[in-house]
Protein backbone atom coordinates (compact mmCIF):
# COMPACT_ATOMS: atom_id res chain seq x y z
CA UNK A 1 18.61 90.19 -11.52
CA UNK A 2 19.05 92.50 -14.44
CA UNK A 3 16.87 92.11 -17.39
CA UNK A 4 17.48 92.36 -21.20
CA UNK A 5 16.22 95.66 -22.67
CA UNK A 6 13.25 93.80 -24.36
CA UNK A 7 12.42 91.62 -21.25
CA UNK A 8 9.53 92.19 -18.98
CA UNK A 9 10.37 92.77 -15.31
CA UNK A 10 10.04 89.61 -13.33
CA UNK A 11 7.01 89.40 -11.29
CA UNK A 12 4.92 91.89 -13.20
CA UNK A 13 3.29 89.43 -15.50
CA UNK A 14 1.46 86.30 -14.21
CA UNK A 15 3.11 83.15 -15.20
CA UNK A 16 0.92 80.20 -16.16
CA UNK A 17 1.90 76.69 -14.82
CA UNK A 18 4.08 74.87 -17.14
CA UNK A 19 4.05 70.98 -17.64
CA UNK A 20 1.51 70.74 -14.77
CA UNK A 21 3.80 72.31 -12.15
CA UNK A 22 2.01 74.76 -10.08
CA UNK A 23 3.51 77.69 -8.14
CA UNK A 24 5.49 79.04 -11.10
CA UNK A 25 4.45 82.51 -10.28
CA UNK A 26 5.91 82.20 -6.87
CA UNK A 27 9.07 80.85 -8.25
CA UNK A 28 9.52 83.73 -10.67
CA UNK A 29 8.40 86.51 -8.32
CA UNK A 30 11.19 89.05 -7.34
CA UNK A 31 11.80 88.68 -3.53
CA UNK A 32 13.36 92.23 -3.49
CA UNK A 33 9.79 93.65 -4.02
CA UNK A 34 8.64 93.24 -0.38
CA UNK A 35 10.04 95.75 2.07
CA UNK A 36 12.55 97.22 -0.41
CA UNK A 37 11.76 100.88 0.68
CA UNK A 38 12.74 100.12 4.21
CA UNK A 39 15.93 98.43 3.13
CA UNK A 40 16.89 101.14 0.75
CA UNK A 41 16.21 103.79 3.49
CA UNK A 42 18.52 102.03 5.94
CA UNK A 43 21.28 101.74 3.35
CA UNK A 44 20.97 105.36 2.25
CA UNK A 45 20.76 106.56 5.88
CA UNK A 46 23.84 104.73 6.83
CA UNK A 47 25.77 105.88 3.86
CA UNK A 48 24.71 109.51 4.47
CA UNK A 49 26.21 109.43 7.97
CA UNK A 50 29.39 107.76 6.64
CA UNK A 51 29.72 110.20 3.81
CA UNK A 52 29.20 113.09 6.04
CA UNK A 53 31.95 112.21 8.44
CA UNK A 54 34.37 111.35 5.59
CA UNK A 55 33.69 114.53 3.79
CA UNK A 56 34.26 116.73 6.82
CA UNK A 57 37.52 115.08 7.59
CA UNK A 58 38.59 114.97 3.92
CA UNK A 59 37.94 118.67 3.46
CA UNK A 60 39.81 119.52 6.69
CA UNK A 61 42.93 117.43 5.57
CA UNK A 62 42.95 118.72 2.08
CA UNK A 63 42.68 122.35 3.25
CA UNK A 64 45.47 121.81 5.78
CA UNK A 65 47.71 120.48 2.84
CA UNK A 66 46.68 123.38 0.57
CA UNK A 67 47.19 126.13 3.18
CA UNK A 68 50.43 124.66 4.48
CA UNK A 69 52.06 124.03 1.06
CA UNK A 70 50.21 125.97 -1.72
CA UNK A 71 51.92 123.80 -4.34
CA UNK A 72 50.81 121.70 -7.25
CA UNK A 73 53.28 119.00 -6.25
CA UNK A 74 51.86 118.58 -2.85
CA UNK A 75 48.33 118.33 -4.39
CA UNK A 76 49.68 115.67 -6.79
CA UNK A 77 51.06 113.61 -3.89
CA UNK A 78 47.87 113.96 -1.94
CA UNK A 79 45.84 112.83 -5.12
CA UNK A 80 48.17 109.88 -5.62
CA UNK A 81 47.94 108.72 -2.05
CA UNK A 82 44.22 109.47 -1.85
CA UNK A 83 43.10 108.00 -5.08
CA UNK A 84 45.62 105.57 -6.51
CA UNK A 85 45.20 102.90 -3.80
CA UNK A 86 41.44 102.79 -4.51
CA UNK A 87 42.18 102.07 -8.19
CA UNK A 88 44.47 99.24 -7.34
CA UNK A 89 42.49 97.68 -4.45
CA UNK A 90 39.22 97.82 -6.59
CA UNK A 91 40.90 95.24 -8.84
CA UNK A 92 40.24 92.92 -5.78
CA UNK A 93 37.16 94.72 -4.52
CA UNK A 94 34.99 93.99 -7.55
CA UNK A 95 35.35 90.19 -7.62
CA UNK A 96 35.03 90.25 -3.82
CA UNK A 97 31.72 91.92 -4.06
CA UNK A 98 30.64 89.10 -6.41
CA UNK A 99 31.95 86.32 -4.13
CA UNK A 100 31.72 87.34 -0.55
CA UNK A 101 29.13 88.98 1.77
CA UNK A 102 28.52 92.32 0.41
CA UNK A 103 27.09 93.81 3.53
CA UNK A 104 30.37 92.79 5.47
CA UNK A 105 32.41 94.46 2.65
CA UNK A 106 30.54 97.76 3.34
CA UNK A 107 30.78 97.67 7.08
CA UNK A 108 34.46 96.43 7.48
CA UNK A 109 36.33 99.15 5.54
CA UNK A 110 34.35 101.85 7.61
CA UNK A 111 35.74 100.30 10.84
CA UNK A 112 39.30 100.16 9.53
CA UNK A 113 39.15 103.73 8.13
CA UNK A 114 37.74 104.81 11.61
CA UNK A 115 40.77 103.16 13.25
CA UNK A 116 43.39 104.82 11.29
CA UNK A 117 41.59 108.23 11.69
CA UNK A 118 41.88 107.71 15.41
CA UNK A 119 45.63 107.12 15.06
CA UNK A 120 46.02 110.42 13.04
CA UNK A 121 43.94 112.36 15.59
CA UNK A 122 46.22 111.10 18.35
CA UNK A 123 49.19 112.16 16.26
CA UNK A 124 47.89 115.69 15.90
CA UNK A 125 46.87 115.96 19.55
CA UNK A 126 50.43 114.90 20.70
CA UNK A 127 52.27 116.92 18.15
CA UNK A 128 54.05 114.33 16.00
CA UNK A 129 51.72 114.44 12.93
CA UNK A 130 53.45 115.09 9.70
CA UNK A 131 52.64 115.30 6.05
CA UNK A 132 54.02 111.84 5.50
CA UNK A 133 51.63 110.39 8.15
CA UNK A 134 48.74 112.20 6.45
CA UNK A 135 49.74 110.63 3.06
CA UNK A 136 49.72 107.17 4.75
CA UNK A 137 46.24 107.78 6.29
CA UNK A 138 44.95 108.91 2.99
CA UNK A 139 46.30 105.71 1.47
CA UNK A 140 44.37 103.49 3.96
CA UNK A 141 41.22 105.46 3.57
CA UNK A 142 41.51 105.18 -0.25
CA UNK A 143 42.18 101.44 -0.01
CA UNK A 144 39.19 100.88 2.06
CA UNK A 145 37.05 102.70 -0.52
CA UNK A 146 38.36 100.42 -3.23
CA UNK A 147 36.72 97.54 -1.40
CA UNK A 148 33.67 99.40 -0.20
CA UNK A 149 32.41 101.30 -3.27
CA UNK A 150 31.96 98.16 -5.55
CA UNK A 151 30.27 96.48 -2.66
CA UNK A 152 27.85 99.37 -1.99
CA UNK A 153 26.90 99.60 -5.77
CA UNK A 154 26.64 95.85 -6.12
CA UNK A 155 24.57 95.80 -2.87
CA UNK A 156 21.96 98.14 -4.10
CA UNK A 157 20.46 95.85 -6.75
CA UNK A 158 20.54 93.14 -4.01
CA UNK A 159 18.04 95.01 -1.96
CA UNK A 160 16.15 97.17 -4.48
CA UNK A 161 14.13 95.84 -7.45
CA UNK A 162 15.05 96.92 -10.98
CA UNK A 163 12.12 99.36 -11.23
CA UNK A 164 13.57 101.35 -8.31
CA UNK A 165 17.29 101.47 -9.32
CA UNK A 166 17.22 104.94 -11.00
CA UNK A 167 15.35 106.54 -8.25
CA UNK A 168 17.55 105.21 -5.57
CA UNK A 169 20.75 105.98 -7.52
CA UNK A 170 19.40 109.57 -7.84
CA UNK A 171 18.52 109.89 -4.14
CA UNK A 172 22.04 108.37 -3.46
CA UNK A 173 23.32 111.28 -5.55
CA UNK A 174 21.23 113.80 -3.68
CA UNK A 175 22.47 112.47 -0.32
CA UNK A 176 26.04 112.80 -1.49
CA UNK A 177 25.44 116.24 -2.73
CA UNK A 178 23.68 117.38 0.53
CA UNK A 179 26.66 115.90 2.46
CA UNK A 180 28.98 117.92 0.29
CA UNK A 181 27.03 120.98 1.02
CA UNK A 182 26.98 120.43 4.76
CA UNK A 183 30.51 118.96 5.05
CA UNK A 184 32.52 122.16 3.73
CA UNK A 185 30.28 124.42 5.87
CA UNK A 186 30.86 122.24 8.91
CA UNK A 187 34.62 121.87 8.14
CA UNK A 188 34.87 125.66 7.67
CA UNK A 189 33.43 126.39 11.04
CA UNK A 190 35.27 123.64 12.84
CA UNK A 191 38.68 124.64 11.29
CA UNK A 192 38.24 128.08 12.84
CA UNK A 193 37.04 127.00 16.27
CA UNK A 194 38.69 123.47 16.85
CA UNK A 195 41.88 121.77 16.56
CA UNK A 196 42.40 119.26 13.64
CA UNK A 197 42.70 116.38 15.99
CA UNK A 198 39.20 116.83 17.29
CA UNK A 199 37.72 117.31 13.84
CA UNK A 200 39.20 113.98 12.83
CA UNK A 201 36.96 112.32 15.43
CA UNK A 202 33.89 113.30 13.58
CA UNK A 203 34.51 110.68 11.00
CA UNK A 204 34.83 108.05 13.77
CA UNK A 205 31.47 108.85 15.24
CA UNK A 206 29.58 108.91 11.97
CA UNK A 207 31.27 105.69 10.85
CA UNK A 208 29.98 103.94 13.82
CA UNK A 209 26.43 105.26 13.26
CA UNK A 210 26.47 104.23 9.58
CA UNK A 211 27.67 100.86 10.31
CA UNK A 212 24.87 100.40 12.81
CA UNK A 213 22.17 101.31 10.08
CA UNK A 214 23.66 99.02 7.41
CA UNK A 215 23.82 96.13 9.97
CA UNK A 216 20.06 96.27 10.27
CA UNK A 217 19.50 95.45 6.64
CA UNK A 218 18.08 91.92 5.93
CA UNK A 219 19.00 90.90 2.41
CA UNK A 220 16.27 89.03 0.64
CA UNK A 221 16.91 85.45 -0.32
CA UNK A 222 17.91 84.83 -3.88
CA UNK A 223 15.88 82.65 -6.27
CA UNK A 224 17.35 79.27 -7.05
CA UNK A 225 17.74 80.18 -10.63
CA UNK A 226 19.84 83.34 -9.75
CA UNK A 227 21.93 81.52 -7.14
CA UNK A 228 22.66 78.84 -9.64
CA UNK A 229 23.90 81.27 -12.26
CA UNK A 230 26.09 83.05 -9.77
CA UNK A 231 27.56 79.72 -8.63
CA UNK A 232 28.23 78.70 -12.14
CA UNK A 233 29.97 81.93 -12.80
CA UNK A 234 32.08 81.75 -9.66
CA UNK A 235 33.07 78.14 -10.34
CA UNK A 236 34.00 79.05 -13.85
CA UNK A 237 36.86 81.32 -12.49
CA UNK A 238 37.84 79.06 -9.43
CA UNK A 239 41.52 78.16 -9.24
CA UNK A 240 42.75 74.61 -9.02
CA UNK A 241 42.41 73.41 -5.41
CA UNK A 242 45.94 72.11 -5.35
CA UNK A 243 47.54 75.57 -5.74
CA UNK A 244 48.91 77.43 -2.59
CA UNK A 245 46.27 79.81 -1.31
CA UNK A 246 47.96 83.14 -2.04
CA UNK A 247 48.57 82.00 -5.68
CA UNK A 248 45.11 80.68 -5.97
CA UNK A 249 43.63 83.88 -4.73
CA UNK A 250 45.84 85.94 -7.19
CA UNK A 251 44.98 83.74 -10.12
CA UNK A 252 41.25 83.83 -9.29
CA UNK A 253 41.37 87.68 -8.84
CA UNK A 254 42.98 88.26 -12.21
CA UNK A 255 40.71 85.63 -13.90
CA UNK A 256 37.67 87.60 -12.41
CA UNK A 257 39.18 90.87 -13.65
CA UNK A 258 39.60 89.55 -17.11
CA UNK A 259 36.20 88.07 -17.23
CA UNK A 260 34.64 91.44 -15.98
CA UNK A 261 36.70 93.41 -18.61
CA UNK A 262 35.69 91.03 -21.54
CA UNK A 263 31.98 91.10 -20.32
CA UNK A 264 31.89 94.86 -20.13
CA UNK A 265 33.71 95.59 -23.28
CA UNK A 266 31.37 93.36 -25.21
CA UNK A 267 28.22 95.23 -24.07
CA UNK A 268 28.14 98.65 -25.76
CA UNK A 269 26.10 100.32 -23.05
CA UNK A 270 28.35 99.02 -20.17
CA UNK A 271 31.35 99.88 -22.25
CA UNK A 272 30.06 103.48 -22.73
CA UNK A 273 29.15 104.00 -19.12
CA UNK A 274 32.43 102.63 -17.79
CA UNK A 275 34.79 104.22 -20.34
CA UNK A 276 32.79 107.39 -20.27
CA UNK A 277 33.27 107.75 -16.44
CA UNK A 278 36.97 106.82 -16.77
CA UNK A 279 37.86 109.37 -19.56
CA UNK A 280 35.76 112.17 -17.95
CA UNK A 281 37.81 111.53 -14.69
CA UNK A 282 40.95 111.71 -16.81
CA UNK A 283 40.06 114.87 -18.69
CA UNK A 284 37.83 116.95 -16.44
CA UNK A 285 37.86 115.66 -12.89
CA UNK A 286 41.65 115.73 -12.63
CA UNK A 287 41.92 119.40 -13.24
CA UNK A 288 38.91 120.05 -11.12
CA UNK A 289 41.05 118.72 -8.24
CA UNK A 290 43.14 121.90 -8.75
CA UNK A 291 40.19 124.20 -7.95
CA UNK A 292 41.54 124.65 -4.48
CA UNK A 293 44.79 126.11 -6.15
CA UNK A 294 42.73 128.12 -8.49
CA UNK A 295 40.89 129.76 -5.68
CA UNK A 296 43.98 130.53 -3.60
CA UNK A 297 46.01 131.91 -6.60
CA UNK A 298 43.45 133.77 -8.83
CA UNK A 299 41.09 135.04 -6.05
CA UNK A 300 43.44 135.67 -3.29
CA UNK A 301 42.71 139.14 -1.67
CA UNK A 302 39.49 139.39 -3.55
CA UNK A 303 36.40 139.63 -1.45
CA UNK A 304 32.88 138.80 -2.46
CA UNK A 305 29.75 140.08 -0.49
CA UNK A 306 26.86 137.84 -1.40
CA UNK A 307 24.54 139.62 0.99
CA UNK A 308 23.90 136.67 3.27
CA UNK A 309 27.71 135.95 3.65
CA UNK A 310 30.91 137.83 2.91
CA UNK A 311 33.77 135.71 1.48
CA UNK A 312 37.07 137.20 2.81
CA UNK A 313 39.33 134.43 4.16
CA UNK A 314 40.94 131.58 2.22
CA UNK A 315 38.80 129.01 4.14
CA UNK A 316 35.64 130.88 3.19
CA UNK A 317 36.52 130.81 -0.50
CA UNK A 318 37.50 127.15 -0.33
CA UNK A 319 34.17 126.38 1.28
CA UNK A 320 32.30 128.39 -1.21
CA UNK A 321 33.99 126.48 -3.93
CA UNK A 322 32.89 123.17 -2.50
CA UNK A 323 29.42 124.46 -1.66
CA UNK A 324 28.83 125.64 -5.18
CA UNK A 325 29.63 122.36 -6.71
CA UNK A 326 27.57 120.31 -4.12
CA UNK A 327 24.51 122.72 -4.48
CA UNK A 328 24.62 121.97 -8.19
CA UNK A 329 24.91 118.21 -7.64
CA UNK A 330 22.04 118.48 -5.08
CA UNK A 331 19.87 120.26 -7.69
CA UNK A 332 20.87 117.89 -10.46
CA UNK A 333 20.31 114.84 -8.31
CA UNK A 334 16.79 116.06 -7.16
CA UNK A 335 15.94 116.78 -10.72
CA UNK A 336 17.05 113.24 -11.90
CA UNK A 337 15.14 111.54 -8.90
CA UNK A 338 11.96 113.58 -9.66
CA UNK A 339 11.67 113.24 -13.44
CA UNK A 340 14.50 110.86 -14.28
CA UNK A 341 12.35 107.61 -13.97
CA UNK A 342 9.71 109.02 -16.36
CA UNK A 343 11.98 110.65 -18.92
CA UNK A 344 14.76 108.24 -18.91
CA UNK A 345 12.77 105.07 -19.32
CA UNK A 346 15.34 102.57 -20.68
CA UNK A 347 19.05 102.18 -21.13
CA UNK A 348 19.04 104.03 -24.47
CA UNK A 349 17.67 107.16 -22.90
CA UNK A 350 20.00 106.79 -19.98
CA UNK A 351 23.05 106.52 -22.28
CA UNK A 352 21.93 109.71 -24.08
CA UNK A 353 21.64 111.52 -20.61
CA UNK A 354 25.25 110.32 -19.82
CA UNK A 355 26.60 111.66 -23.02
CA UNK A 356 24.69 115.08 -22.48
CA UNK A 357 26.06 115.24 -18.89
CA UNK A 358 29.56 114.59 -19.89
CA UNK A 359 29.42 117.38 -22.47
CA UNK A 360 28.04 119.88 -20.02
CA UNK A 361 30.80 118.92 -17.54
CA UNK A 362 33.43 119.72 -20.16
CA UNK A 363 31.81 123.08 -21.04
CA UNK A 364 31.53 124.08 -17.38
CA UNK A 365 35.23 123.14 -16.68
CA UNK A 366 36.24 125.50 -19.44
CA UNK A 367 33.96 128.08 -17.80
CA UNK A 368 35.68 127.77 -14.56
CA UNK A 369 39.01 128.55 -16.26
CA UNK A 370 37.79 131.63 -18.02
CA UNK A 371 35.37 133.11 -15.45
CA UNK A 372 36.00 136.82 -15.21
CA UNK A 373 35.18 137.22 -11.48
CA UNK A 374 34.47 135.12 -8.35
CA UNK A 375 30.80 135.50 -8.71
CA UNK A 376 30.64 134.10 -12.19
CA UNK A 377 32.97 131.43 -11.18
CA UNK A 378 30.72 130.15 -8.37
CA UNK A 379 27.69 130.26 -10.89
CA UNK A 380 29.53 128.05 -13.17
CA UNK A 381 30.60 125.99 -10.19
CA UNK A 382 27.03 125.26 -9.58
CA UNK A 383 26.19 124.36 -13.19
CA UNK A 384 29.13 121.96 -13.19
CA UNK A 385 27.63 120.24 -10.25
CA UNK A 386 24.23 119.87 -12.03
CA UNK A 387 26.01 118.47 -15.13
CA UNK A 388 27.86 115.91 -12.93
CA UNK A 389 24.61 114.73 -11.37
CA UNK A 390 22.91 114.42 -14.76
CA UNK A 391 25.42 111.79 -15.75
CA UNK A 392 26.36 109.99 -12.59
CA UNK A 393 22.80 108.63 -11.74
CA UNK A 394 22.15 107.08 -15.21
CA UNK A 395 25.81 105.75 -15.24
CA UNK A 396 25.07 103.78 -12.08
CA UNK A 397 21.80 102.54 -13.26
CA UNK A 398 23.00 101.37 -16.56
CA UNK A 399 25.83 99.40 -14.89
CA UNK A 400 23.39 97.81 -12.37
CA UNK A 401 20.52 97.10 -14.81
CA UNK A 402 22.46 96.01 -17.80
CA UNK A 403 24.78 93.51 -16.10
CA UNK A 404 24.00 90.21 -14.80
CA UNK A 405 23.89 89.81 -11.02
CA UNK A 406 26.98 87.44 -10.99
CA UNK A 407 28.98 90.13 -12.90
CA UNK A 408 27.78 93.39 -11.18
CA UNK A 409 30.62 93.65 -8.69
CA UNK A 410 33.15 93.05 -11.43
CA UNK A 411 31.70 95.73 -13.71
CA UNK A 412 31.69 98.28 -10.74
CA UNK A 413 35.18 97.19 -9.79
CA UNK A 414 36.39 97.79 -13.32
CA UNK A 415 34.72 101.10 -13.25
CA UNK A 416 36.10 102.02 -9.92
CA UNK A 417 39.64 101.06 -11.14
CA UNK A 418 39.51 102.85 -14.38
CA UNK A 419 37.92 106.01 -13.01
CA UNK A 420 40.08 106.27 -10.01
CA UNK A 421 43.22 105.61 -12.27
CA UNK A 422 42.05 108.38 -14.53
CA UNK A 423 42.30 111.06 -11.90
CA UNK A 424 45.87 110.51 -10.85
CA UNK A 425 46.95 109.97 -14.34
CA UNK A 426 45.41 113.26 -15.35
CA UNK A 427 47.01 114.88 -12.34
CA UNK A 428 50.41 113.64 -13.46
CA UNK A 429 49.93 115.93 -16.42
CA UNK A 430 47.81 118.82 -15.14
CA UNK A 431 49.37 119.33 -11.70
CA UNK A 432 52.92 119.99 -12.97
CA UNK A 433 51.45 122.13 -15.73
CA UNK A 434 49.66 124.27 -13.09
CA UNK A 435 53.12 125.30 -11.69
CA UNK A 436 54.58 126.30 -15.05
CA UNK A 437 51.66 127.77 -17.04
CA UNK A 438 48.63 129.93 -15.84
CA UNK A 439 46.32 127.64 -14.13
CA UNK A 440 43.31 128.82 -16.06
CA UNK A 441 44.62 127.21 -19.26
CA UNK A 442 44.65 123.83 -17.38
CA UNK A 443 41.05 124.12 -17.03
CA UNK A 444 40.42 125.14 -20.58
CA UNK A 445 42.41 122.12 -21.84
CA UNK A 446 40.77 119.71 -19.63
CA UNK A 447 37.26 120.95 -20.50
CA UNK A 448 37.75 120.85 -24.31
CA UNK A 449 39.30 117.33 -24.23
CA UNK A 450 36.21 116.01 -22.43
CA UNK A 451 33.90 116.94 -25.27
CA UNK A 452 34.97 113.96 -27.59
CA UNK A 453 34.26 111.69 -24.65
CA UNK A 454 30.61 112.74 -24.79
CA UNK A 455 30.45 111.98 -28.55
CA UNK A 456 32.10 108.56 -28.08
CA UNK A 457 29.39 107.64 -25.45
CA UNK A 458 26.68 108.82 -27.68
CA UNK A 459 28.05 106.75 -30.56
CA UNK A 460 28.04 103.64 -28.45
CA UNK A 461 24.50 104.26 -27.34
CA UNK A 462 23.37 103.80 -30.99
CA UNK A 463 24.71 100.18 -31.08
CA UNK A 464 22.14 97.51 -30.71
CA UNK A 465 22.12 95.41 -27.58
CA UNK A 466 20.62 91.92 -28.01
CA UNK A 467 20.93 91.03 -24.40
CA UNK A 468 23.27 90.64 -21.44
CA UNK A 469 26.58 88.91 -22.31
């Protein structure tokens, strides 16, 4: 599915008959070309609904934890339960996306997450909800994402031709940013007018709608050559048939993980995208999870009248914090969608964009810590969102276009595992520090430590790539 940097996209150049065999053009044409806009629209619409409901509920849960505890330790536990399971489950999720029905792996986690959210809603409605139960629900939601995220990212190149990947990934980023804009605003309104148990049901409704859209997608048939390559790759890591099933699954999973790791680390562009994502999550995204604490500690009692809205309550400021980041990601995603396919034509240009975006993320994280007032903080928050969008779209595109189809799931599974592990590992350092030193210094340290990551990705982009490994 993916092409070498120097290869011509399949189906764009007529292929002459070879050895008297006719129909070679049909054999090499890309079946994804026909109707891909409709398939991409269904996928993006379904994910938009799913993301919206999940975001509203996630904000409501996190705000409940912050406003009830106001401690770094509680935020650390929430992060561990909400992120670490995704990292661990993605060890299995990546290989599963390469071996099993990717559409099913997108739909089933949504249904499971909706079910546990109903349980939490009933718990709040009946009065026996607790912080421990919330942590359990966060764990299940995170585990579901560990299966779903590699499946979604691997599914995109199944239904979209290579020429449309950067645009679709950028639009995906725009949708995510738009949801992040709408979700905190909706959550802020709902928190003030409705009980938490009813807010949780929003996620259930949107999950069902999202599943319906994804179920309508018809995946194009793979060419025989591609199917053969995928089958060969799968057979290469298959466990001996005489082993007990649990042991065979475990052996095959770790064989797949090892194969994906070796494959990714041998390809400088894939290595740069995956490690750049993971190290940025470790250095910058981890302290950014403490922005809720920063807002409640540094700007408590400080009002800000923006003309169209007056930020006075804690929930107002928490919503403004999320909206600023989301507006920036929306603007950055729209920019990448509009001009990215023209300016970032090729993996080398996309790698440079990743490096630039990571550097800007680090600089803006420092800015969040040293902002002199709430208005400047929100402006820098917007710029941080722009920087994040600049690197996220190219990261996904490099991982999709530079990896062979039989390895795409494993590459994204490795990326999901490392990036999601980076966040709790960073929180293990930054969250306790936030309780013993001024929290602004946590942001300064995290941002400065991100700058060498950008240099590392840029250095990897200068290495030659002879082809997919």
